[in-house]
Amino acid sequence: KHPDGILPVRVAKGALGPDAPHCDLFIS
C-alpha cells in the first residue's frame, strides 16, 4: 500500500466556504 504520508487530502465541495472548492479537491 502507499505510505500514509503520500496519500492526498480530500477537500470536499464547499469546505472552505460557498463554492470553495466547487467540487472535491485533492491535494498533497
PDB file of all heavy atoms in Angstrom:
ATOM      1  N   LYS A   1       0.844  -1.192   0.000  1.00  0.00           N
ATOM      2  CA  LYS A   1       0.000   0.000   0.000  1.00  0.00           C
ATOM      3  C   LYS A   1       0.876   1.238   0.000  1.00  0.00           C
ATOM      4  O   LYS A   1       2.053   1.191   0.352  1.00  0.00           O
ATOM      5  CB  LYS A   1      -0.936   0.019   1.204  1.00  0.00           C
ATOM      6  CG  LYS A   1      -0.239   0.132   2.545  1.00  0.00           C
ATOM      7  CD  LYS A   1      -1.269   0.216   3.668  1.00  0.00           C
ATOM      8  CE  LYS A   1      -0.569   0.434   5.023  1.00  0.00           C
ATOM      9  NZ  LYS A   1      -1.561   0.573   6.115  1.00  0.00           N
ATOM     10  N   HIS A   2       0.294   2.352  -0.398  1.00  0.00           N
ATOM     11  CA  HIS A   2       1.033   3.607  -0.402  1.00  0.00           C
ATOM     12  C   HIS A   2       1.305   4.039   1.039  1.00  0.00           C
ATOM     13  O   HIS A   2       0.435   3.922   1.910  1.00  0.00           O
ATOM     14  CB  HIS A   2       0.237   4.701  -1.117  1.00  0.00           C
ATOM     15  CG  HIS A   2       0.092   4.487  -2.585  1.00  0.00           C
ATOM     16  ND1 HIS A   2       1.162   4.495  -3.463  1.00  0.00           N
ATOM     17  CD2 HIS A   2      -1.005   4.262  -3.350  1.00  0.00           C
ATOM     18  CE1 HIS A   2       0.726   4.298  -4.699  1.00  0.00           C
ATOM     19  NE2 HIS A   2      -0.576   4.149  -4.653  1.00  0.00           N
ATOM     20  N   PRO A   3       2.492   4.578   1.323  1.00  0.00           N
ATOM     21  CA  PRO A   3       2.755   5.128   2.662  1.00  0.00           C
ATOM     22  C   PRO A   3       1.748   6.216   3.002  1.00  0.00           C
ATOM     23  O   PRO A   3       1.304   6.967   2.131  1.00  0.00           O
ATOM     24  CB  PRO A   3       4.173   5.700   2.523  1.00  0.00           C
ATOM     25  CG  PRO A   3       4.785   4.966   1.378  1.00  0.00           C
ATOM     26  CD  PRO A   3       3.661   4.687   0.428  1.00  0.00           C
ATOM     27  N   ASP A   4       1.391   6.297   4.268  1.00  0.00           N
ATOM     28  CA  ASP A   4       0.387   7.264   4.694  1.00  0.00           C
ATOM     29  C   ASP A   4       0.764   8.697   4.317  1.00  0.00           C
ATOM     30  O   ASP A   4      -0.101   9.519   4.006  1.00  0.00           O
ATOM     31  CB  ASP A   4       0.186   7.183   6.210  1.00  0.00           C
ATOM     32  CG  ASP A   4      -0.469   5.885   6.646  1.00  0.00           C
ATOM     33  OD1 ASP A   4      -1.073   5.204   5.784  1.00  0.00           O
ATOM     34  OD2 ASP A   4      -0.366   5.540   7.839  1.00  0.00           O
ATOM     35  N   GLY A   5       2.062   9.013   4.346  1.00  0.00           N
ATOM     36  CA  GLY A   5       2.499  10.380   4.103  1.00  0.00           C
ATOM     37  C   GLY A   5       2.275  10.894   2.707  1.00  0.00           C
ATOM     38  O   GLY A   5       2.288  12.109   2.494  1.00  0.00           O
ATOM     39  N   ILE A   6       2.072   9.996   1.730  1.00  0.00           N
ATOM     40  CA  ILE A   6       1.874  10.471   0.358  1.00  0.00           C
ATOM     41  C   ILE A   6       0.406  10.466  -0.057  1.00  0.00           C
ATOM     42  O   ILE A   6       0.080  10.916  -1.158  1.00  0.00           O
ATOM     43  CB  ILE A   6       2.698   9.655  -0.653  1.00  0.00           C
ATOM     44  CG1 ILE A   6       2.133   8.245  -0.823  1.00  0.00           C
ATOM     45  CG2 ILE A   6       4.165   9.624  -0.258  1.00  0.00           C
ATOM     46  CD1 ILE A   6       2.690   7.504  -2.012  1.00  0.00           C
ATOM     47  N   LEU A   7      -0.461   9.997   0.810  1.00  0.00           N
ATOM     48  CA  LEU A   7      -1.877   9.979   0.459  1.00  0.00           C
ATOM     49  C   LEU A   7      -2.402  11.406   0.317  1.00  0.00           C
ATOM     50  O   LEU A   7      -2.032  12.289   1.091  1.00  0.00           O
ATOM     51  CB  LEU A   7      -2.683   9.240   1.532  1.00  0.00           C
ATOM     52  CG  LEU A   7      -2.367   7.758   1.708  1.00  0.00           C
ATOM     53  CD1 LEU A   7      -3.206   7.187   2.854  1.00  0.00           C
ATOM     54  CD2 LEU A   7      -2.620   6.994   0.416  1.00  0.00           C
ATOM     55  N   PRO A   8      -3.273  11.654  -0.655  1.00  0.00           N
ATOM     56  CA  PRO A   8      -3.810  13.013  -0.830  1.00  0.00           C
ATOM     57  C   PRO A   8      -4.845  13.359   0.224  1.00  0.00           C
ATOM     58  O   PRO A   8      -5.422  12.490   0.877  1.00  0.00           O
ATOM     59  CB  PRO A   8      -4.457  12.946  -2.218  1.00  0.00           C
ATOM     60  CG  PRO A   8      -4.828  11.507  -2.399  1.00  0.00           C
ATOM     61  CD  PRO A   8      -3.761  10.721  -1.684  1.00  0.00           C
ATOM     62  N   VAL A   9      -5.048  14.643   0.386  1.00  0.00           N
ATOM     63  CA  VAL A   9      -6.121  15.156   1.244  1.00  0.00           C
ATOM     64  C   VAL A   9      -7.297  15.532   0.347  1.00  0.00           C
ATOM     65  O   VAL A   9      -7.115  16.184  -0.683  1.00  0.00           O
ATOM     66  CB  VAL A   9      -5.652  16.375   2.049  1.00  0.00           C
ATOM     67  CG1 VAL A   9      -6.827  17.064   2.742  1.00  0.00           C
ATOM     68  CG2 VAL A   9      -4.609  15.959   3.083  1.00  0.00           C
ATOM     69  N   ARG A  10      -8.475  15.117   0.751  1.00  0.00           N
ATOM     70  CA  ARG A  10      -9.698  15.468   0.024  1.00  0.00           C
ATOM     71  C   ARG A  10     -10.362  16.646   0.723  1.00  0.00           C
ATOM     72  O   ARG A  10     -10.740  16.566   1.890  1.00  0.00           O
ATOM     73  CB  ARG A  10     -10.668  14.287  -0.015  1.00  0.00           C
ATOM     74  CG  ARG A  10     -12.071  14.631  -0.521  1.00  0.00           C
ATOM     75  CD  ARG A  10     -12.979  13.416  -0.397  1.00  0.00           C
ATOM     76  NE  ARG A  10     -14.371  13.748  -0.657  1.00  0.00           N
ATOM     77  CZ  ARG A  10     -15.237  14.128   0.287  1.00  0.00           C
ATOM     78  NH1 ARG A  10     -14.848  14.234   1.551  1.00  0.00           N
ATOM     79  NH2 ARG A  10     -16.495  14.386  -0.028  1.00  0.00           N
ATOM     80  N   VAL A  11     -10.478  17.758  -0.002  1.00  0.00           N
ATOM     81  CA  VAL A  11     -11.177  18.941   0.487  1.00  0.00           C
ATOM     82  C   VAL A  11     -12.539  18.937  -0.192  1.00  0.00           C
ATOM     83  O   VAL A  11     -12.655  19.149  -1.401  1.00  0.00           O
ATOM     84  CB  VAL A  11     -10.401  20.229   0.152  1.00  0.00           C
ATOM     85  CG1 VAL A  11     -11.099  21.441   0.750  1.00  0.00           C
ATOM     86  CG2 VAL A  11      -8.957  20.136   0.660  1.00  0.00           C
ATOM     87  N   ALA A  12     -13.573  18.670   0.569  1.00  0.00           N
ATOM     88  CA  ALA A  12     -14.904  18.481  -0.006  1.00  0.00           C
ATOM     89  C   ALA A  12     -15.465  19.784  -0.574  1.00  0.00           C
ATOM     90  O   ALA A  12     -15.064  20.887  -0.183  1.00  0.00           O
ATOM     91  CB  ALA A  12     -15.855  17.921   1.048  1.00  0.00           C
ATOM     92  N   LYS A  13     -16.392  19.631  -1.477  1.00  0.00           N
ATOM     93  CA  LYS A  13     -17.081  20.782  -2.067  1.00  0.00           C
ATOM     94  C   LYS A  13     -17.625  21.690  -0.967  1.00  0.00           C
ATOM     95  O   LYS A  13     -18.310  21.238  -0.052  1.00  0.00           O
ATOM     96  CB  LYS A  13     -18.220  20.295  -2.956  1.00  0.00           C
ATOM     97  CG  LYS A  13     -19.074  21.403  -3.562  1.00  0.00           C
ATOM     98  CD  LYS A  13     -20.205  20.826  -4.403  1.00  0.00           C
ATOM     99  CE  LYS A  13     -21.079  21.938  -4.960  1.00  0.00           C
ATOM    100  NZ  LYS A  13     -22.215  21.399  -5.760  1.00  0.00           N
ATOM    101  N   GLY A  14     -17.291  22.980  -1.057  1.00  0.00           N
ATOM    102  CA  GLY A  14     -17.793  23.954  -0.100  1.00  0.00           C
ATOM    103  C   GLY A  14     -17.123  23.923   1.258  1.00  0.00           C
ATOM    104  O   GLY A  14     -17.571  24.629   2.172  1.00  0.00           O
ATOM    105  N   ALA A  15     -16.041  23.150   1.423  1.00  0.00           N
ATOM    106  CA  ALA A  15     -15.406  23.017   2.742  1.00  0.00           C
ATOM    107  C   ALA A  15     -14.835  24.332   3.243  1.00  0.00           C
ATOM    108  O   ALA A  15     -14.807  24.579   4.449  1.00  0.00           O
ATOM    109  CB  ALA A  15     -14.301  21.963   2.684  1.00  0.00           C
ATOM    110  N   LEU A  16     -14.366  25.187   2.339  1.00  0.00           N
ATOM    111  CA  LEU A  16     -13.748  26.451   2.745  1.00  0.00           C
ATOM    112  C   LEU A  16     -14.731  27.613   2.754  1.00  0.00           C
ATOM    113  O   LEU A  16     -14.434  28.687   3.275  1.00  0.00           O
ATOM    114  CB  LEU A  16     -12.580  26.791   1.817  1.00  0.00           C
ATOM    115  CG  LEU A  16     -11.526  25.703   1.619  1.00  0.00           C
ATOM    116  CD1 LEU A  16     -10.420  26.203   0.703  1.00  0.00           C
ATOM    117  CD2 LEU A  16     -10.957  25.235   2.945  1.00  0.00           C
ATOM    118  N   GLY A  17     -15.898  27.391   2.146  1.00  0.00           N
ATOM    119  CA  GLY A  17     -16.903  28.445   2.015  1.00  0.00           C
ATOM    120  C   GLY A  17     -17.734  28.176   0.776  1.00  0.00           C
ATOM    121  O   GLY A  17     -17.537  27.169   0.084  1.00  0.00           O
ATOM    122  N   PRO A  18     -18.681  29.047   0.455  1.00  0.00           N
ATOM    123  CA  PRO A  18     -19.533  28.839  -0.720  1.00  0.00           C
ATOM    124  C   PRO A  18     -18.713  28.631  -2.000  1.00  0.00           C
ATOM    125  O   PRO A  18     -17.908  29.482  -2.380  1.00  0.00           O
ATOM    126  CB  PRO A  18     -20.360  30.133  -0.789  1.00  0.00           C
ATOM    127  CG  PRO A  18     -20.362  30.648   0.613  1.00  0.00           C
ATOM    128  CD  PRO A  18     -19.017  30.285   1.183  1.00  0.00           C
ATOM    129  N   ASP A  19     -18.894  27.457  -2.640  1.00  0.00           N
ATOM    130  CA  ASP A  19     -18.218  27.124  -3.897  1.00  0.00           C
ATOM    131  C   ASP A  19     -16.695  27.136  -3.788  1.00  0.00           C
ATOM    132  O   ASP A  19     -15.995  27.318  -4.791  1.00  0.00           O
ATOM    133  CB  ASP A  19     -18.660  28.064  -5.020  1.00  0.00           C
ATOM    134  CG  ASP A  19     -20.114  27.864  -5.406  1.00  0.00           C
ATOM    135  OD1 ASP A  19     -20.563  26.699  -5.354  1.00  0.00           O
ATOM    136  OD2 ASP A  19     -20.796  28.846  -5.724  1.00  0.00           O
ATOM    137  N   ALA A  20     -16.173  26.954  -2.616  1.00  0.00           N
ATOM    138  CA  ALA A  20     -14.725  26.902  -2.441  1.00  0.00           C
ATOM    139  C   ALA A  20     -14.357  25.637  -1.641  1.00  0.00           C
ATOM    140  O   ALA A  20     -14.474  25.645  -0.413  1.00  0.00           O
ATOM    141  CB  ALA A  20     -14.210  28.156  -1.728  1.00  0.00           C
ATOM    142  N   PRO A  21     -13.974  24.587  -2.329  1.00  0.00           N
ATOM    143  CA  PRO A  21     -13.961  24.438  -3.796  1.00  0.00           C
ATOM    144  C   PRO A  21     -15.371  24.160  -4.319  1.00  0.00           C
ATOM    145  O   PRO A  21     -16.274  23.855  -3.550  1.00  0.00           O
ATOM    146  CB  PRO A  21     -13.042  23.230  -4.011  1.00  0.00           C
ATOM    147  CG  PRO A  21     -13.225  22.407  -2.775  1.00  0.00           C
ATOM    148  CD  PRO A  21     -13.411  23.390  -1.647  1.00  0.00           C
ATOM    149  N   HIS A  22     -15.535  24.243  -5.638  1.00  0.00           N
ATOM    150  CA  HIS A  22     -16.853  23.994  -6.211  1.00  0.00           C
ATOM    151  C   HIS A  22     -17.084  22.518  -6.520  1.00  0.00           C
ATOM    152  O   HIS A  22     -18.177  22.118  -6.910  1.00  0.00           O
ATOM    153  CB  HIS A  22     -17.103  24.844  -7.459  1.00  0.00           C
ATOM    154  CG  HIS A  22     -16.052  24.723  -8.514  1.00  0.00           C
ATOM    155  ND1 HIS A  22     -15.721  23.546  -9.123  1.00  0.00           N
ATOM    156  CD2 HIS A  22     -15.256  25.669  -9.075  1.00  0.00           C
ATOM    157  CE1 HIS A  22     -14.776  23.752 -10.028  1.00  0.00           C
ATOM    158  NE2 HIS A  22     -14.460  25.024 -10.004  1.00  0.00           N
ATOM    159  N   CYS A  23     -16.048  21.694  -6.337  1.00  0.00           N
ATOM    160  CA  CYS A  23     -16.180  20.243  -6.329  1.00  0.00           C
ATOM    161  C   CYS A  23     -15.009  19.709  -5.498  1.00  0.00           C
ATOM    162  O   CYS A  23     -14.109  20.464  -5.115  1.00  0.00           O
ATOM    163  CB  CYS A  23     -16.186  19.654  -7.734  1.00  0.00           C
ATOM    164  SG  CYS A  23     -14.640  19.839  -8.626  1.00  0.00           S
ATOM    165  N   ASP A  24     -15.014  18.431  -5.184  1.00  0.00           N
ATOM    166  CA  ASP A  24     -13.968  17.892  -4.326  1.00  0.00           C
ATOM    167  C   ASP A  24     -12.582  18.173  -4.915  1.00  0.00           C
ATOM    168  O   ASP A  24     -12.342  17.975  -6.108  1.00  0.00           O
ATOM    169  CB  ASP A  24     -14.147  16.392  -4.148  1.00  0.00           C
ATOM    170  CG  ASP A  24     -15.350  16.044  -3.276  1.00  0.00           C
ATOM    171  OD1 ASP A  24     -16.004  16.980  -2.770  1.00  0.00           O
ATOM    172  OD2 ASP A  24     -15.625  14.847  -3.107  1.00  0.00           O
ATOM    173  N   LEU A  25     -11.673  18.631  -4.054  1.00  0.00           N
ATOM    174  CA  LEU A  25     -10.305  18.972  -4.443  1.00  0.00           C
ATOM    175  C   LEU A  25      -9.356  18.005  -3.755  1.00  0.00           C
ATOM    176  O   LEU A  25      -9.493  17.732  -2.560  1.00  0.00           O
ATOM    177  CB  LEU A  25      -9.993  20.410  -4.011  1.00  0.00           C
ATOM    178  CG  LEU A  25      -8.535  20.877  -4.077  1.00  0.00           C
ATOM    179  CD1 LEU A  25      -8.050  20.923  -5.520  1.00  0.00           C
ATOM    180  CD2 LEU A  25      -8.396  22.251  -3.419  1.00  0.00           C
ATOM    181  N   PHE A  26      -8.380  17.485  -4.504  1.00  0.00           N
ATOM    182  CA  PHE A  26      -7.418  16.533  -3.968  1.00  0.00           C
ATOM    183  C   PHE A  26      -6.012  17.115  -4.098  1.00  0.00           C
ATOM    184  O   PHE A  26      -5.547  17.401  -5.203  1.00  0.00           O
ATOM    185  CB  PHE A  26      -7.511  15.194  -4.702  1.00  0.00           C
ATOM    186  CG  PHE A  26      -8.833  14.497  -4.518  1.00  0.00           C
ATOM    187  CD1 PHE A  26      -9.899  14.762  -5.369  1.00  0.00           C
ATOM    188  CD2 PHE A  26      -9.020  13.591  -3.477  1.00  0.00           C
ATOM    189  CE1 PHE A  26     -11.120  14.131  -5.197  1.00  0.00           C
ATOM    190  CE2 PHE A  26     -10.237  12.963  -3.293  1.00  0.00           C
ATOM    191  CZ  PHE A  26     -11.295  13.227  -4.154  1.00  0.00           C
ATOM    192  N   ILE A  27      -5.349  17.278  -2.962  1.00  0.00           N
ATOM    193  CA  ILE A  27      -4.019  17.877  -2.921  1.00  0.00           C
ATOM    194  C   ILE A  27      -3.144  17.088  -1.955  1.00  0.00           C
ATOM    195  O   ILE A  27      -3.642  16.303  -1.150  1.00  0.00           O
ATOM    196  CB  ILE A  27      -4.077  19.356  -2.481  1.00  0.00           C
ATOM    197  CG1 ILE A  27      -4.863  19.493  -1.175  1.00  0.00           C
ATOM    198  CG2 ILE A  27      -4.681  20.228  -3.570  1.00  0.00           C
ATOM    199  CD1 ILE A  27      -4.983  20.909  -0.659  1.00  0.00           C
ATOM    200  N   SER A  28      -1.837  17.305  -2.039  1.00  0.00           N
ATOM    201  CA  SER A  28      -0.931  16.632  -1.111  1.00  0.00           C
ATOM    202  C   SER A  28      -1.053  17.247   0.273  1.00  0.00           C
ATOM    203  O   SER A  28      -1.562  18.356   0.451  1.00  0.00           O
ATOM    204  CB  SER A  28       0.515  16.721  -1.616  1.00  0.00           C
ATOM    205  OG  SER A  28       0.958  18.071  -1.600  1.00  0.00           O
TER     206      SER A  28
END
